[in-house]
N, C-alpha and C. Protein backbone atom coordinates (compact mmCIF):
# COMPACT_ATOMS: atom_id res chain seq x y z
N MET A 1 120.83 104.94 79.11
CA MET A 1 119.82 105.17 78.57
C MET A 1 120.49 106.61 77.85
N ASP A 2 119.71 106.45 76.54
CA ASP A 2 119.20 107.70 75.76
C ASP A 2 119.15 109.10 76.63
N ASP A 3 119.17 110.01 76.86
CA ASP A 3 118.68 110.83 77.18
C ASP A 3 117.77 111.65 76.33
N SER A 4 118.43 111.83 75.19
CA SER A 4 117.55 112.72 74.08
C SER A 4 116.51 111.59 73.56
N ASP A 5 115.96 110.60 74.24
CA ASP A 5 114.93 109.82 73.82
C ASP A 5 113.67 110.30 74.91
N PRO A 6 112.98 111.19 74.60
CA PRO A 6 111.57 111.38 75.54
C PRO A 6 111.01 110.15 75.85
N ILE A 7 110.29 109.35 75.29
CA ILE A 7 109.80 108.28 75.71
C ILE A 7 110.57 107.42 76.58
N LYS A 8 112.24 107.22 76.30
CA LYS A 8 112.81 106.88 77.46
C LYS A 8 112.30 107.83 79.00
N GLN A 9 112.86 109.01 78.79
CA GLN A 9 112.47 109.87 80.03
C GLN A 9 111.33 109.38 80.50
N LEU A 10 110.35 109.85 79.73
CA LEU A 10 108.71 109.73 80.61
C LEU A 10 109.00 108.09 81.20
N GLN A 11 109.32 106.66 80.36
CA GLN A 11 109.59 105.58 81.29
C GLN A 11 109.90 105.78 82.65
N HIS A 12 111.26 106.66 82.51
CA HIS A 12 112.02 106.61 83.94
C HIS A 12 111.51 108.00 84.96
N LEU A 13 110.73 108.64 84.29
CA LEU A 13 109.98 109.17 85.01
C LEU A 13 108.64 108.48 85.86
N LEU A 14 108.04 107.58 85.17
CA LEU A 14 107.07 106.65 85.52
C LEU A 14 107.39 106.01 86.55
N ASP A 15 108.81 105.16 86.50
CA ASP A 15 109.60 103.96 87.25
C ASP A 15 109.34 105.28 88.74
N ASP A 16 109.21 106.16 88.82
CA ASP A 16 109.19 107.11 90.14
C ASP A 16 108.21 107.75 90.74
N ARG A 17 107.10 107.68 90.32
CA ARG A 17 106.01 108.85 90.50
C ARG A 17 106.20 109.64 91.61
N GLY A 18 106.83 109.72 92.44
CA GLY A 18 106.85 110.92 93.40
C GLY A 18 107.88 111.67 92.92
N LYS A 19 108.89 111.21 92.10
CA LYS A 19 109.56 112.25 91.49
C LYS A 19 109.11 112.93 90.40
N VAL A 20 108.24 112.42 89.65
CA VAL A 20 107.12 112.90 88.67
C VAL A 20 106.19 114.26 89.43
N LEU A 21 105.78 114.01 90.26
CA LEU A 21 104.98 114.66 91.24
C LEU A 21 105.78 115.71 91.53
N GLU A 22 106.51 115.39 92.08
CA GLU A 22 107.63 116.58 92.66
C GLU A 22 107.80 117.64 91.56
N LYS A 23 108.29 116.62 90.41
CA LYS A 23 108.95 118.01 89.28
C LYS A 23 107.63 118.62 88.80
N ILE A 24 106.40 117.86 88.49
CA ILE A 24 105.76 118.99 88.14
C ILE A 24 105.13 120.05 89.15
N SER A 25 105.24 119.80 90.50
CA SER A 25 104.92 120.97 91.76
C SER A 25 106.11 121.79 91.33
N GLY A 26 107.05 121.15 91.05
CA GLY A 26 108.20 122.44 90.82
C GLY A 26 108.05 123.47 90.17
N ILE A 27 107.84 122.50 88.53
CA ILE A 27 107.54 123.88 87.31
C ILE A 27 106.20 124.72 87.95
N HIS A 28 105.22 123.92 88.25
CA HIS A 28 104.18 124.59 88.78
C HIS A 28 104.64 125.82 89.58
N SER A 29 105.41 125.93 90.48
CA SER A 29 105.88 126.98 91.30
C SER A 29 106.70 127.74 90.74
N ALA A 30 107.43 127.09 89.86
CA ALA A 30 108.20 128.50 89.08
C ALA A 30 107.64 128.99 87.96
N LEU A 31 106.42 128.46 87.53
CA LEU A 31 105.64 129.22 86.62
C LEU A 31 104.91 130.21 87.15
N SER A 32 104.03 129.65 88.25
CA SER A 32 103.88 130.50 89.38
C SER A 32 104.08 131.83 89.72
N SER A 33 105.65 131.77 90.00
CA SER A 33 106.85 132.98 90.41
C SER A 33 106.96 133.50 89.12
N LEU A 34 106.72 133.25 87.63
CA LEU A 34 107.15 134.05 86.68
C LEU A 34 105.59 134.79 86.51
N LYS A 35 104.39 134.14 86.94
CA LYS A 35 103.29 135.22 86.59
C LYS A 35 103.22 136.12 87.16
N SER A 36 103.75 135.78 89.25
CA SER A 36 103.74 136.76 89.58
C SER A 36 104.41 137.84 89.58
N PRO A 37 104.12 139.40 89.59
CA PRO A 37 104.75 140.32 89.25
C PRO A 37 105.60 140.63 90.24
N ALA A 38 106.96 141.05 89.78
CA ALA A 38 108.18 140.88 90.60
C ALA A 38 108.06 142.07 91.40
N PRO A 39 108.19 142.50 92.52
CA PRO A 39 108.22 143.54 93.39
C PRO A 39 109.12 144.62 92.75
N ALA A 40 108.39 145.67 92.42
CA ALA A 40 109.34 147.06 91.73
C ALA A 40 109.05 148.21 92.74
N ALA A 41 110.35 148.80 92.55
CA ALA A 41 110.43 149.78 93.53
C ALA A 41 109.25 150.81 92.79
N PRO A 42 108.93 151.33 93.62
CA PRO A 42 107.80 152.68 93.59
C PRO A 42 108.14 153.42 92.61
N SER A 43 107.32 153.79 91.57
CA SER A 43 108.06 154.72 90.50
C SER A 43 107.11 155.64 90.41
N ARG A 44 107.29 156.93 90.04
CA ARG A 44 106.34 157.83 89.74
C ARG A 44 105.77 157.92 88.43
N VAL A 45 106.77 156.77 87.55
CA VAL A 45 106.05 156.75 86.39
C VAL A 45 105.04 155.94 85.82
N SER A 46 104.49 155.85 85.00
CA SER A 46 103.06 154.78 84.70
C SER A 46 103.92 153.81 84.02
N PRO A 47 103.78 152.29 83.87
CA PRO A 47 104.13 152.00 82.94
C PRO A 47 103.88 152.03 81.64
N PRO A 48 104.78 151.66 80.44
CA PRO A 48 104.13 152.45 79.02
C PRO A 48 102.99 150.97 78.46
N ALA A 49 102.01 151.98 77.97
CA ALA A 49 101.19 150.97 77.43
C ALA A 49 101.80 149.87 76.34
N ASP A 50 102.65 149.98 75.52
CA ASP A 50 103.26 148.62 75.07
C ASP A 50 103.14 147.52 75.80
N LEU A 51 103.64 147.59 77.10
CA LEU A 51 103.99 145.96 78.12
C LEU A 51 102.45 145.30 78.08
N SER A 52 101.69 146.26 77.81
CA SER A 52 100.08 145.07 78.10
C SER A 52 100.21 143.98 77.08
N PRO A 53 100.42 144.32 75.87
CA PRO A 53 100.43 143.07 74.84
C PRO A 53 101.49 142.09 75.16
N ALA A 54 102.49 142.55 75.59
CA ALA A 54 103.40 141.28 75.93
C ALA A 54 103.34 140.45 77.20
N ARG A 55 102.36 141.58 78.06
CA ARG A 55 101.71 140.74 79.22
C ARG A 55 101.04 139.77 79.05
N ALA A 56 100.49 140.33 78.04
CA ALA A 56 99.05 138.83 77.47
C ALA A 56 99.91 138.17 76.64
N ALA A 57 100.66 138.15 76.01
CA ALA A 57 101.56 136.63 75.22
C ALA A 57 101.81 136.02 76.61
N ASP A 58 102.55 137.01 77.45
CA ASP A 58 103.32 135.82 78.51
C ASP A 58 102.13 134.87 79.21
N GLU A 59 100.77 136.01 79.78
CA GLU A 59 99.60 135.11 80.16
C GLU A 59 99.86 133.84 79.18
N ARG A 60 99.21 133.88 78.30
CA ARG A 60 98.90 133.22 77.05
C ARG A 60 99.73 131.89 77.05
N LEU A 61 101.09 131.95 76.96
CA LEU A 61 102.07 131.17 77.07
C LEU A 61 102.09 130.43 78.42
N TYR A 62 101.57 130.94 79.44
CA TYR A 62 101.94 130.26 80.81
C TYR A 62 100.63 129.54 80.99
N ASP A 63 99.48 129.76 80.25
CA ASP A 63 98.66 129.19 80.55
C ASP A 63 98.65 127.77 79.77
N ARG A 64 99.11 127.86 78.70
CA ARG A 64 99.27 127.05 77.46
C ARG A 64 100.56 126.16 78.42
N VAL A 65 101.74 126.34 79.31
CA VAL A 65 102.17 125.50 79.38
C VAL A 65 101.59 124.82 80.60
N LEU A 66 100.92 125.52 81.65
CA LEU A 66 100.20 125.12 82.93
C LEU A 66 99.45 123.77 82.27
N GLN A 67 98.39 124.06 81.00
CA GLN A 67 97.38 123.18 80.22
C GLN A 67 98.49 121.71 79.97
N MET A 68 99.67 121.89 79.69
CA MET A 68 100.44 121.32 79.05
C MET A 68 100.99 120.20 80.22
N LEU A 69 101.24 120.61 81.60
CA LEU A 69 101.52 120.31 82.68
C LEU A 69 100.32 119.54 82.80
N ARG A 70 99.22 120.06 83.02
CA ARG A 70 98.11 119.07 83.51
C ARG A 70 97.58 118.14 82.22
N GLU A 71 97.85 118.16 81.42
CA GLU A 71 97.63 117.23 80.81
C GLU A 71 98.64 115.97 80.80
N MET A 72 99.82 116.26 80.84
CA MET A 72 101.10 115.36 81.21
C MET A 72 101.01 114.61 82.14
N GLN A 73 100.17 115.60 83.43
CA GLN A 73 100.09 114.64 85.33
C GLN A 73 98.99 113.91 84.66
N ALA A 74 97.86 114.35 83.93
CA ALA A 74 96.65 113.12 83.83
C ALA A 74 97.39 112.05 82.86
N GLN A 75 98.16 112.78 81.91
CA GLN A 75 98.60 110.88 81.53
C GLN A 75 99.30 109.99 82.12
N ILE A 76 100.20 110.67 83.11
CA ILE A 76 101.23 109.89 83.85
C ILE A 76 99.93 109.33 84.85
N GLU A 77 99.26 109.71 85.38
CA GLU A 77 98.17 109.12 86.21
C GLU A 77 97.55 108.34 85.61
N GLU A 78 97.10 108.09 84.22
CA GLU A 78 96.29 107.47 83.55
C GLU A 78 97.22 106.19 83.39
N ARG A 79 98.82 105.97 83.07
CA ARG A 79 99.68 105.14 82.74
C ARG A 79 99.94 104.53 84.61
N ILE A 80 100.21 105.12 85.56
CA ILE A 80 100.37 104.79 86.65
C ILE A 80 99.38 104.04 87.35
N ARG A 81 98.14 104.23 86.97
CA ARG A 81 97.12 104.00 87.92
C ARG A 81 96.84 102.17 87.43
N PRO A 82 96.77 101.77 85.93
CA PRO A 82 97.08 100.33 86.10
C PRO A 82 98.41 99.72 86.26
N LEU A 83 99.06 100.10 86.24
CA LEU A 83 100.43 99.78 87.08
C LEU A 83 100.49 99.25 88.41
N ALA A 84 99.93 100.35 88.83
CA ALA A 84 99.60 100.33 90.59
C ALA A 84 98.52 99.22 90.52
N GLN A 85 97.55 99.10 89.75
CA GLN A 85 96.37 97.64 89.87
C GLN A 85 97.17 96.81 90.08
N LEU A 86 97.86 96.69 88.80
CA LEU A 86 98.72 95.22 88.45
C LEU A 86 99.36 95.00 89.94
N THR A 87 100.27 95.82 90.25
CA THR A 87 101.06 95.74 91.64
C THR A 87 99.94 94.97 92.26
N VAL A 88 99.53 95.73 92.59
CA VAL A 88 97.98 95.24 93.48
C VAL A 88 97.60 93.60 93.56
N GLU A 89 97.43 93.68 92.49
CA GLU A 89 96.87 92.25 91.60
C GLU A 89 98.17 91.24 92.34
N ALA A 90 99.22 91.75 91.89
CA ALA A 90 100.37 90.66 91.91
C ALA A 90 100.91 90.18 93.32
N GLN A 91 100.66 91.57 94.05
CA GLN A 91 100.55 91.17 95.51
C GLN A 91 99.60 90.47 96.25
N VAL A 92 98.34 90.73 96.09
CA VAL A 92 97.08 89.69 96.40
C VAL A 92 97.19 88.22 96.01
N ALA A 93 97.51 87.98 94.55
CA ALA A 93 98.24 86.76 93.94
C ALA A 93 99.17 86.16 95.16
N HIS A 94 100.27 86.51 95.37
CA HIS A 94 101.21 86.39 95.76
C HIS A 94 101.14 85.82 97.27
N LEU A 95 99.98 86.61 98.13
CA LEU A 95 99.76 86.44 99.47
C LEU A 95 98.71 85.50 99.11
N ARG A 96 97.64 85.22 98.50
CA ARG A 96 96.68 84.07 98.71
C ARG A 96 97.86 82.60 98.08
N GLU A 97 99.09 82.81 97.34
CA GLU A 97 99.48 81.57 97.10
C GLU A 97 100.26 81.15 98.71
N GLN A 98 100.67 81.82 99.27
CA GLN A 98 101.33 82.12 100.48
C GLN A 98 100.41 81.37 101.27
N CYS A 99 99.33 82.50 101.18
CA CYS A 99 98.27 81.40 102.29
C CYS A 99 97.72 80.15 102.15
N ALA A 100 97.78 79.56 100.65
CA ALA A 100 97.46 78.14 100.22
C ALA A 100 98.93 77.24 100.80
N GLU A 101 99.53 77.75 100.57
CA GLU A 101 100.67 76.94 101.40
C GLU A 101 100.84 76.65 102.44
N ASP A 102 100.75 77.80 103.59
CA ASP A 102 100.58 77.60 104.86
C ASP A 102 99.21 76.55 105.14
N GLU A 103 98.17 76.55 104.72
CA GLU A 103 97.23 76.06 104.60
C GLU A 103 97.35 74.83 104.88
N ALA A 104 98.44 74.46 103.51
CA ALA A 104 98.86 73.03 103.48
C ALA A 104 99.66 72.31 104.19
N ALA A 105 100.72 73.61 105.02
CA ALA A 105 101.45 72.91 105.70
C ALA A 105 100.57 72.51 107.11
N LEU A 106 99.59 73.56 107.34
CA LEU A 106 99.06 73.10 108.55
C LEU A 106 97.99 71.63 108.27
N GLY A 107 97.69 71.55 107.15
CA GLY A 107 97.02 69.99 106.98
C GLY A 107 98.26 69.14 107.10
N ARG A 108 99.34 69.21 106.68
CA ARG A 108 100.26 68.30 106.67
C ARG A 108 100.92 67.95 108.11
N THR A 109 100.86 69.24 108.84
CA THR A 109 100.97 69.14 110.28
C THR A 109 100.16 68.11 111.28
N LEU A 110 98.70 68.66 110.93
CA LEU A 110 97.17 68.45 111.54
C LEU A 110 97.50 66.26 110.81
N ALA A 111 98.11 66.62 109.19
CA ALA A 111 97.93 64.81 109.17
C ALA A 111 98.78 64.26 110.19
N GLY A 112 99.85 64.76 110.52
CA GLY A 112 101.10 64.23 111.31
C GLY A 112 100.75 64.00 112.84
N ILE A 113 100.17 64.87 113.36
CA ILE A 113 99.60 64.67 114.46
C ILE A 113 98.70 63.33 114.76
N ASP A 114 97.84 63.45 113.79
CA ASP A 114 96.53 62.28 113.34
C ASP A 114 97.25 60.99 113.24
N GLN A 115 98.68 61.21 112.45
CA GLN A 115 99.22 59.74 112.48
C GLN A 115 99.99 59.22 113.86
N CYS A 116 100.53 60.48 114.77
CA CYS A 116 101.00 59.82 116.15
C CYS A 116 99.93 59.54 117.00
N ILE A 117 98.75 60.15 116.68
CA ILE A 117 98.07 59.25 117.49
C ILE A 117 97.21 57.81 116.91
N VAL A 118 97.11 58.00 115.78
CA VAL A 118 96.90 56.50 115.50
C VAL A 118 98.01 55.39 115.85
N THR A 119 99.57 55.45 115.63
CA THR A 119 100.39 54.91 116.24
C THR A 119 100.48 54.70 118.00
N CYS A 120 100.08 56.04 118.39
CA CYS A 120 99.85 55.99 120.03
C CYS A 120 98.88 54.88 120.06
N ALA A 121 97.82 54.91 119.76
CA ALA A 121 96.79 54.06 119.71
C ALA A 121 97.44 52.56 119.68
N GLU A 122 98.10 52.13 118.27
CA GLU A 122 98.14 51.28 117.89
C GLU A 122 99.40 50.47 119.49
N ARG A 123 100.21 51.33 120.07
CA ARG A 123 101.02 50.91 120.71
C ARG A 123 100.45 50.73 122.08
N PHE A 124 99.66 51.44 121.91
CA PHE A 124 98.44 51.15 123.34
C PHE A 124 98.01 49.75 123.53
N HIS A 125 97.67 49.54 122.07
CA HIS A 125 97.05 48.06 121.79
C HIS A 125 97.92 47.25 122.20
N GLU A 126 99.07 46.95 121.62
CA GLU A 126 100.34 46.45 121.71
C GLU A 126 100.53 46.30 123.23
N TYR A 127 100.31 47.33 123.29
CA TYR A 127 101.19 47.29 125.42
C TYR A 127 100.21 46.59 126.13
N GLN A 128 98.51 46.71 126.01
CA GLN A 128 97.62 45.54 126.73
C GLN A 128 97.79 44.62 126.22
N ARG A 129 97.87 44.03 124.85
CA ARG A 129 98.02 42.78 124.38
C ARG A 129 99.06 42.16 125.33
N ARG A 130 100.15 42.70 125.15
CA ARG A 130 101.44 42.15 125.65
C ARG A 130 101.27 42.11 127.32
N ARG A 131 100.74 42.92 127.95
CA ARG A 131 100.48 43.00 129.43
C ARG A 131 99.17 41.76 129.60
N ASP A 132 99.04 41.58 128.71
CA ASP A 132 97.79 40.34 129.28
C ASP A 132 98.15 39.12 128.58
N GLU A 133 99.35 39.04 127.68
CA GLU A 133 99.91 37.97 127.30
C GLU A 133 100.58 37.50 128.91
N LEU A 134 101.42 38.24 129.08
CA LEU A 134 102.43 38.24 130.32
C LEU A 134 101.61 37.83 131.57
N ALA A 135 100.63 38.53 131.83
CA ALA A 135 99.65 37.93 132.79
C ALA A 135 99.39 36.65 132.80
N ALA A 136 98.98 36.16 131.44
CA ALA A 136 98.55 35.04 131.38
C ALA A 136 99.43 34.13 131.73
N LEU A 137 101.11 34.30 131.06
CA LEU A 137 102.26 33.53 131.44
C LEU A 137 102.55 33.41 133.20
N GLN A 138 102.25 34.40 134.05
CA GLN A 138 102.49 34.39 135.15
C GLN A 138 101.52 33.57 135.83
N GLU A 139 100.03 33.54 135.31
CA GLU A 139 99.12 32.80 135.91
C GLU A 139 99.61 31.12 135.43
N LYS A 140 100.16 31.06 134.70
CA LYS A 140 100.61 29.42 134.00
C LYS A 140 101.71 29.28 134.74
N ILE A 141 102.57 30.16 135.63
CA ILE A 141 103.79 30.00 136.19
C ILE A 141 103.37 29.61 137.77
N THR A 142 102.46 30.18 138.00
CA THR A 142 101.31 30.16 139.34
C THR A 142 100.82 28.55 139.28
N ALA A 143 100.31 28.32 138.17
CA ALA A 143 99.88 26.92 138.30
C ALA A 143 100.82 25.64 138.36
N LEU A 144 102.13 26.11 138.07
CA LEU A 144 103.08 24.91 137.76
C LEU A 144 103.31 25.10 139.30
N GLY A 145 103.04 26.03 140.46
CA GLY A 145 103.90 26.04 141.58
C GLY A 145 104.84 26.91 141.89
N ALA A 146 105.21 27.62 141.00
CA ALA A 146 106.01 28.59 141.15
C ALA A 146 105.73 30.10 141.42
N ALA A 147 106.90 30.52 141.99
CA ALA A 147 106.34 31.93 142.60
C ALA A 147 106.19 32.74 141.67
N PRO A 148 105.67 33.36 140.97
CA PRO A 148 105.20 34.66 139.89
C PRO A 148 106.22 35.85 140.12
N ASP A 149 107.07 36.22 138.50
CA ASP A 149 107.53 37.35 138.86
C ASP A 149 106.68 38.65 138.74
N PRO A 150 106.82 39.93 139.69
CA PRO A 150 105.76 40.74 139.72
C PRO A 150 105.79 41.68 138.18
N LEU A 151 104.45 41.84 137.55
CA LEU A 151 103.85 42.31 136.49
C LEU A 151 104.47 43.80 136.62
N PRO A 152 105.01 44.23 135.59
CA PRO A 152 105.38 45.97 135.01
C PRO A 152 104.27 46.52 136.06
N GLU A 153 104.11 48.08 136.00
CA GLU A 153 103.33 48.42 135.81
C GLU A 153 102.02 48.70 135.36
N SER A 154 101.16 48.76 136.00
CA SER A 154 99.86 48.71 134.97
C SER A 154 99.32 49.94 135.14
N SER A 155 98.83 50.69 134.10
CA SER A 155 97.62 51.58 134.08
C SER A 155 96.42 51.35 134.73
N PRO A 156 95.93 52.38 135.25
CA PRO A 156 94.33 51.94 135.75
C PRO A 156 93.77 52.32 134.69
N ALA A 157 93.73 52.80 133.41
CA ALA A 157 93.31 53.28 132.29
C ALA A 157 93.02 52.25 131.54
N ARG A 158 92.11 51.98 130.88
CA ARG A 158 91.73 50.86 129.77
C ARG A 158 91.09 51.49 128.89
N ASP A 159 90.87 52.55 128.19
CA ASP A 159 90.75 53.34 126.97
C ASP A 159 91.91 54.08 126.47
N LEU A 160 91.94 54.49 125.15
CA LEU A 160 92.86 55.19 124.72
C LEU A 160 92.67 56.39 125.32
N LYS A 161 91.30 57.27 125.42
CA LYS A 161 91.44 58.44 125.69
C LYS A 161 92.23 59.04 127.30
N GLU A 162 91.70 57.98 128.11
CA GLU A 162 92.34 57.94 129.40
C GLU A 162 93.91 57.84 129.71
N ILE A 163 94.52 57.05 128.83
CA ILE A 163 95.67 56.67 128.98
C ILE A 163 96.38 58.11 128.26
N ILE A 164 95.94 58.44 127.57
CA ILE A 164 96.65 59.75 126.80
C ILE A 164 96.71 60.79 127.97
N ASP A 165 95.26 60.87 128.49
CA ASP A 165 95.29 62.10 129.50
C ASP A 165 96.03 61.72 130.64
N LEU A 166 96.13 60.77 130.72
CA LEU A 166 97.30 60.45 132.39
C LEU A 166 98.32 60.54 131.68
N ARG A 167 99.29 59.91 130.38
CA ARG A 167 100.15 60.19 130.03
C ARG A 167 100.68 61.41 130.17
N LEU A 168 99.66 62.32 129.72
CA LEU A 168 99.81 64.03 129.59
C LEU A 168 100.21 64.58 130.72
N ARG A 169 99.22 64.25 131.59
CA ARG A 169 99.63 64.74 133.13
C ARG A 169 100.88 64.32 133.69
N ASP A 170 101.46 63.20 133.48
CA ASP A 170 102.80 62.50 134.03
C ASP A 170 103.64 63.24 133.26
N LEU A 171 103.83 63.43 132.14
CA LEU A 171 104.69 64.03 131.24
C LEU A 171 105.06 65.57 131.64
N SER A 172 103.82 66.06 131.81
CA SER A 172 103.84 67.79 132.22
C SER A 172 104.20 67.92 133.34
N ALA A 173 103.64 66.90 134.69
CA ALA A 173 104.17 66.63 135.92
C ALA A 173 105.87 66.99 136.14
N ALA A 174 106.17 65.85 134.88
CA ALA A 174 107.87 65.45 134.75
C ALA A 174 108.44 66.67 133.97
N GLY A 175 107.85 67.70 133.63
CA GLY A 175 108.23 69.24 133.00
C GLY A 175 108.69 69.05 131.74
N ARG A 176 108.17 67.89 130.76
CA ARG A 176 108.31 67.14 129.70
C ARG A 176 108.04 68.00 128.65
N LEU A 177 106.99 68.43 128.83
CA LEU A 177 105.90 69.09 128.33
C LEU A 177 105.46 70.55 128.41
């Protein structure tokens, strides 16, 4: 960075608002200490009259420097405020984008759950169909005079909601959920 370029120096200062305000505060303190009369030893001689114009010149210089500092501070605030607003807007946009991504992920998760339920229903219907076919085959075996084989355990539930509730209880009791 070119230290002699005041615009680059100001930009560097704008990058860290805290440092700028700290420096301005330090300058205010320094100017205040210059303006305050230094404690002097008591003297019996009154100050010469010709110091009064010098003190007035110092006062004007102090006021002018103080005014310049106030103007600089106002300009810095003027430039930082839009940057801060842009930062806030960018953060809001980023958070909204993240929310949209999370909402989409939730939607995909629910769609996956829905697909699992649909698959479960299809498997339940397939199970019921195959069990009915097996029962019909067992009846044919019995009709031919042979002893039927035992049928696999059947659920007392006949609809999907009941079977899912029953399976959830069984899995929970087995410690699998």
